Amino acid sequence: MDRVNIRTPSLHIVRLALHEHLPESDSVEQHAHTFSQALLYLHGEGWQSFSGNRARVEPGTLVVIPPGIPHSFERRGAKFPQCLVIDFRFRQPGRRRPMVSILTRSELAQVQQCIAHLSHLQRDSETVLHTVGAALAIQLVVTLLRSAAWLPREAPHSPGNSGKAISDLLQGMDPSSDLSDVIRKSGYQRDHLNALVKRETGLTLGQYRSQQRLLIAKRLLTARQQVAAVAAAIGMNDQSYFSRWFRRQTGQQPRSWGGAWS
């Protein structure tokens, strides 16, 4: 599958393809596009560079790059990378940052199912994607853009009794707290609590806390707080670990995000 030309009122999917790096090529030279591009790595490892930053990629790593941002890839290890490449445009473009995220197991499984189904449909029809294929492609792109925070997560379900309890728990949760303390205070078993939180937010408890930590970190870094202070504020006392975590989430070093002090 390559050019698909799927249009919705807000999104135009130009191309969707599986790319495998050639054995004689260890890297992809720096280049830029007039469209946005999502790169989901399925096999292999390497380094994706963009905007002066360098992010490590491995299976399950998603890189989303806005138009006009120069980027390149360098292979790491002997295994030749394979990635899903999606070129797309928003009908109403806005300013978005390059994002690096790691898909959850459920998100990755959903994406792999979509790819397998689309490949099957392509074998049956060599001309254009029919309605089912177009719907699958849109579902695939939406899943990836939600993971990269380019689209909002699904709206939570209307809370019932447990829903209100979970909403209260999340609203009162200190993102710097240890998860074991949050679980103990909730009165639920870990797996059951994760299921309840995911029903309300689309995220596990750990993913929700990570999302809240990232929001706080971005706000503090934009206010030019010292990197060590930001790390401590979200419960990460190891500044080096925080820097690696932040770069994995955003593709940028903390001190370059908002001109923060080291």
Protein backbone atom coordinates (compact mmCIF):
# COMPACT_ATOMS: atom_id res chain seq x y z
CA MET A 1 0.00 0.00 0.00
CA ASP A 2 1.32 3.44 -0.85
CA ARG A 3 -0.75 6.41 -2.02
CA VAL A 4 -4.22 6.22 -0.47
CA ASN A 5 -5.66 9.75 -0.76
CA ILE A 6 -8.21 9.41 2.04
CA ARG A 7 -9.99 12.62 3.03
CA THR A 8 -12.10 13.52 6.05
CA PRO A 9 -13.42 16.98 6.99
CA SER A 10 -10.30 17.59 9.11
CA LEU A 11 -7.63 15.20 7.82
CA HIS A 12 -6.08 14.19 4.50
CA ILE A 13 -4.11 10.92 4.52
CA VAL A 14 -1.80 11.07 1.52
CA ARG A 15 0.27 7.92 1.83
CA LEU A 16 0.46 4.83 4.02
CA ALA A 17 3.29 2.38 3.45
CA LEU A 18 5.56 -0.16 5.13
CA HIS A 19 9.23 0.69 4.56
CA GLU A 20 12.15 -1.66 5.13
CA HIS A 21 15.67 -0.24 5.01
CA LEU A 22 17.91 -1.73 2.37
CA PRO A 23 20.89 -3.83 3.57
CA GLU A 24 23.41 -1.48 1.93
CA SER A 25 21.93 1.58 3.66
CA ASP A 26 22.77 2.37 7.28
CA SER A 27 21.07 5.76 7.32
CA VAL A 28 18.52 8.07 5.74
CA GLU A 29 19.97 11.48 4.91
CA GLN A 30 18.45 14.63 6.36
CA HIS A 31 15.35 15.75 4.48
CA ALA A 32 12.04 17.55 5.04
CA HIS A 33 8.48 17.34 3.69
CA THR A 34 5.63 19.70 2.90
CA PHE A 35 3.31 17.38 4.85
CA SER A 36 3.28 15.88 8.34
CA GLN A 37 4.73 12.41 8.73
CA ALA A 38 4.22 9.65 11.30
CA LEU A 39 6.93 6.98 11.57
CA LEU A 40 6.11 3.89 13.64
CA TYR A 41 9.08 1.55 14.02
CA LEU A 42 8.07 -2.13 14.01
CA HIS A 43 11.49 -3.82 13.81
CA GLY A 44 15.08 -2.77 14.34
CA GLU A 45 16.65 0.07 16.29
CA GLY A 46 18.35 3.35 15.56
CA TRP A 47 18.42 7.10 16.08
CA GLN A 48 15.96 9.60 14.66
CA SER A 49 17.33 13.15 14.49
CA PHE A 50 15.30 16.33 14.04
CA SER A 51 15.40 19.98 15.14
CA GLY A 52 18.84 19.50 16.69
CA ASN A 53 17.64 16.59 18.84
CA ARG A 54 18.38 12.89 18.67
CA ALA A 55 15.90 10.27 19.88
CA ARG A 56 16.52 6.56 20.15
CA VAL A 57 13.93 4.42 18.37
CA GLU A 58 13.07 0.76 18.84
CA PRO A 59 10.04 -1.44 18.09
CA GLY A 60 6.94 0.44 19.23
CA THR A 61 8.53 3.90 18.98
CA LEU A 62 6.40 6.49 17.21
CA VAL A 63 7.91 9.69 15.77
CA VAL A 64 5.55 12.37 14.43
CA ILE A 65 7.12 15.25 12.52
CA PRO A 66 5.42 18.47 11.34
CA PRO A 67 5.95 19.88 7.83
CA GLY A 68 9.24 21.59 7.10
CA ILE A 69 11.21 19.94 9.93
CA PRO A 70 14.50 18.41 8.66
CA HIS A 71 14.97 14.86 9.97
CA SER A 72 17.22 11.88 9.39
CA PHE A 73 17.69 8.30 10.58
CA GLU A 74 20.74 6.27 11.58
CA ARG A 75 20.51 2.50 12.05
CA ARG A 76 21.76 0.89 15.27
CA GLY A 77 22.62 -2.80 15.37
CA ALA A 78 22.55 -5.47 12.69
CA LYS A 79 18.78 -5.76 12.23
CA PHE A 80 17.37 -3.75 9.34
CA PRO A 81 14.58 -1.44 10.52
CA GLN A 82 11.04 -1.64 9.27
CA CYS A 83 8.63 1.19 9.88
CA LEU A 84 5.11 2.21 9.02
CA VAL A 85 5.18 5.56 7.21
CA ILE A 86 2.09 7.76 7.06
CA ASP A 87 2.05 11.11 5.25
CA PHE A 88 -0.88 13.34 6.13
CA ARG A 89 -2.15 16.90 6.33
CA PHE A 90 -4.59 18.62 8.64
CA ARG A 91 -7.19 20.71 6.82
CA GLN A 92 -6.67 23.51 9.36
CA PRO A 93 -2.94 23.42 10.07
CA GLY A 94 -1.67 24.61 13.42
CA ARG A 95 1.73 24.81 15.09
CA ARG A 96 2.72 21.40 16.42
CA ARG A 97 5.99 20.11 17.82
CA PRO A 98 7.79 16.94 16.77
CA MET A 99 6.80 14.20 19.21
CA VAL A 100 8.32 10.87 20.20
CA SER A 101 6.19 8.39 22.12
CA ILE A 102 6.10 4.68 22.90
CA LEU A 103 2.92 2.85 22.03
CA THR A 104 1.30 0.79 24.75
CA ARG A 105 0.92 -2.95 24.15
CA SER A 106 -2.78 -2.51 23.41
CA GLU A 107 -2.11 0.36 20.98
CA LEU A 108 0.62 -1.61 19.21
CA ALA A 109 -1.62 -4.68 18.96
CA GLN A 110 -4.42 -2.53 17.52
CA VAL A 111 -2.05 -1.01 14.95
CA GLN A 112 -0.69 -4.43 13.92
CA GLN A 113 -4.24 -5.73 13.45
CA CYS A 114 -5.07 -2.74 11.24
CA ILE A 115 -1.92 -3.28 9.16
CA ALA A 116 -2.69 -6.99 8.69
CA HIS A 117 -6.29 -6.25 7.71
CA LEU A 118 -5.25 -3.51 5.28
CA SER A 119 -2.67 -5.80 3.67
CA HIS A 120 -5.37 -8.46 3.21
CA LEU A 121 -7.74 -5.93 1.64
CA GLN A 122 -4.99 -4.71 -0.69
CA ARG A 123 -4.41 -8.23 -1.97
CA ASP A 124 -8.12 -8.54 -2.73
CA SER A 125 -8.31 -5.15 -4.49
CA GLU A 126 -5.32 -3.79 -6.40
CA THR A 127 -7.05 -0.52 -7.37
CA VAL A 128 -8.23 1.64 -4.50
CA LEU A 129 -9.14 1.08 -0.88
CA HIS A 130 -12.85 0.51 -0.44
CA THR A 131 -14.89 1.84 2.48
CA VAL A 132 -13.68 -0.73 5.02
CA GLY A 133 -10.05 -0.08 4.15
CA ALA A 134 -10.48 3.68 4.37
CA ALA A 135 -12.10 3.34 7.80
CA LEU A 136 -9.23 1.13 8.99
CA ALA A 137 -6.63 3.61 7.72
CA ILE A 138 -8.38 6.47 9.53
CA GLN A 139 -8.59 4.39 12.73
CA LEU A 140 -4.87 3.62 12.42
CA VAL A 141 -3.88 7.27 11.99
CA VAL A 142 -6.12 8.43 14.85
CA THR A 143 -4.60 5.82 17.19
CA LEU A 144 -1.09 7.03 16.38
CA LEU A 145 -1.90 10.75 16.63
CA ARG A 146 -3.59 10.20 20.00
CA SER A 147 -0.51 8.37 21.25
CA ALA A 148 1.64 11.34 20.13
CA ALA A 149 -0.78 13.83 21.76
CA TRP A 150 -1.48 15.44 18.38
CA LEU A 151 -5.13 14.50 18.89
CA PRO A 152 -6.98 14.35 22.22
CA ARG A 153 -7.67 11.02 23.81
CA GLU A 154 -11.15 9.54 23.61
CA ALA A 155 -13.65 11.30 25.83
CA PRO A 156 -14.10 9.41 29.08
CA HIS A 157 -17.23 7.39 29.70
CA SER A 158 -19.97 8.94 31.79
CA PRO A 159 -18.94 8.09 35.32
CA GLY A 160 -21.01 5.77 37.42
CA ASN A 161 -20.29 5.07 41.08
CA SER A 162 -16.79 3.76 40.38
CA GLY A 163 -16.33 6.42 37.71
CA LYS A 164 -16.78 9.24 40.21
CA ALA A 165 -14.41 7.56 42.63
CA ILE A 166 -11.77 7.22 39.92
CA SER A 167 -12.28 10.82 38.77
CA ASP A 168 -11.83 12.03 42.36
CA LEU A 169 -8.75 9.84 42.77
CA LEU A 170 -7.11 11.22 39.61
CA GLN A 171 -7.99 14.83 40.36
CA GLY A 172 -6.44 14.53 43.82
CA MET A 173 -3.40 12.53 42.76
CA ASP A 174 -0.01 14.17 43.14
CA PRO A 175 1.90 13.25 39.93
CA SER A 176 5.10 13.00 41.98
CA SER A 177 3.57 10.24 44.14
CA ASP A 178 4.74 6.66 44.01
CA LEU A 179 2.18 4.50 42.18
CA SER A 180 2.14 1.91 44.96
CA ASP A 181 0.96 4.62 47.38
CA VAL A 182 -1.81 5.69 45.01
CA ILE A 183 -2.94 2.08 44.56
CA ARG A 184 -2.94 1.44 48.30
CA LYS A 185 -4.99 4.56 49.01
CA SER A 186 -7.51 3.68 46.28
CA GLY A 187 -8.49 0.41 47.94
CA TYR A 188 -8.40 -1.43 44.59
CA GLN A 189 -6.11 -4.17 43.33
CA ARG A 190 -3.55 -2.88 40.81
CA ASP A 191 -5.04 -4.63 37.74
CA HIS A 192 -8.61 -3.64 38.60
CA LEU A 193 -7.59 -0.03 39.24
CA ASN A 194 -5.77 0.11 35.90
CA ALA A 195 -8.89 -1.19 34.17
CA LEU A 196 -11.08 1.44 35.85
CA VAL A 197 -8.66 4.27 35.08
CA LYS A 198 -8.37 3.15 31.45
CA ARG A 199 -12.17 3.08 31.11
CA GLU A 200 -12.33 6.69 32.30
CA THR A 201 -9.26 8.13 30.57
CA GLY A 202 -8.07 5.72 27.88
CA LEU A 203 -4.80 5.35 29.83
CA THR A 204 -3.44 3.08 32.55
CA LEU A 205 -2.66 4.69 35.90
CA GLY A 206 1.05 4.80 35.07
CA GLN A 207 0.41 6.34 31.65
CA TYR A 208 -1.95 8.92 33.17
CA ARG A 209 0.64 9.89 35.78
CA SER A 210 3.32 10.12 33.08
CA GLN A 211 1.06 12.40 31.02
CA GLN A 212 0.46 14.66 34.04
CA ARG A 213 4.17 14.71 34.86
CA LEU A 214 4.97 15.76 31.31
CA LEU A 215 2.44 18.61 31.42
CA ILE A 216 3.92 19.90 34.69
CA ALA A 217 7.49 19.54 33.41
CA LYS A 218 6.71 21.48 30.23
CA ARG A 219 5.05 24.26 32.21
CA LEU A 220 7.94 24.57 34.66
CA LEU A 221 10.59 24.42 31.93
CA THR A 222 8.75 27.11 29.96
CA ALA A 223 8.90 29.23 33.13
CA ARG A 224 12.71 28.73 33.08
CA GLN A 225 12.89 26.57 36.19
CA GLN A 226 16.15 24.70 36.71
CA VAL A 227 16.12 21.19 35.25
CA ALA A 228 17.00 19.60 38.61
CA ALA A 229 14.11 21.43 40.28
CA VAL A 230 11.68 20.33 37.57
CA ALA A 231 12.81 16.72 37.93
CA ALA A 232 12.29 16.83 41.69
CA ALA A 233 8.88 18.50 41.29
CA ILE A 234 7.52 15.52 39.37
CA GLY A 235 9.09 12.89 41.61
CA MET A 236 12.26 12.12 39.63
CA ASN A 237 15.25 12.85 41.83
CA ASP A 238 17.73 11.60 39.23
CA GLN A 239 18.26 14.50 36.81
CA SER A 240 19.91 12.28 34.20
CA TYR A 241 16.99 9.85 34.26
CA PHE A 242 14.56 12.77 33.96
CA SER A 243 16.45 14.15 30.95
CA ARG A 244 16.35 10.78 29.19
CA TRP A 245 12.66 10.36 30.02
CA PHE A 246 11.78 13.87 28.82
CA ARG A 247 13.70 13.42 25.57
CA ARG A 248 11.93 10.10 24.97
CA GLN A 249 8.57 11.83 25.44
CA THR A 250 9.22 14.98 23.41
CA GLY A 251 12.31 14.42 21.29
CA GLN A 252 14.03 17.38 23.00
CA GLN A 253 16.37 17.89 25.92
CA PRO A 254 14.71 19.61 28.93
CA ARG A 255 17.00 22.63 28.86
CA SER A 256 16.15 23.30 25.20
CA TRP A 257 12.37 23.12 25.75
CA GLY A 258 11.81 26.48 27.38
CA GLY A 259 15.32 27.82 27.79
CA ALA A 260 15.49 26.24 31.24
CA TRP A 261 18.59 26.60 33.37
CA SER A 262 20.78 23.58 33.87
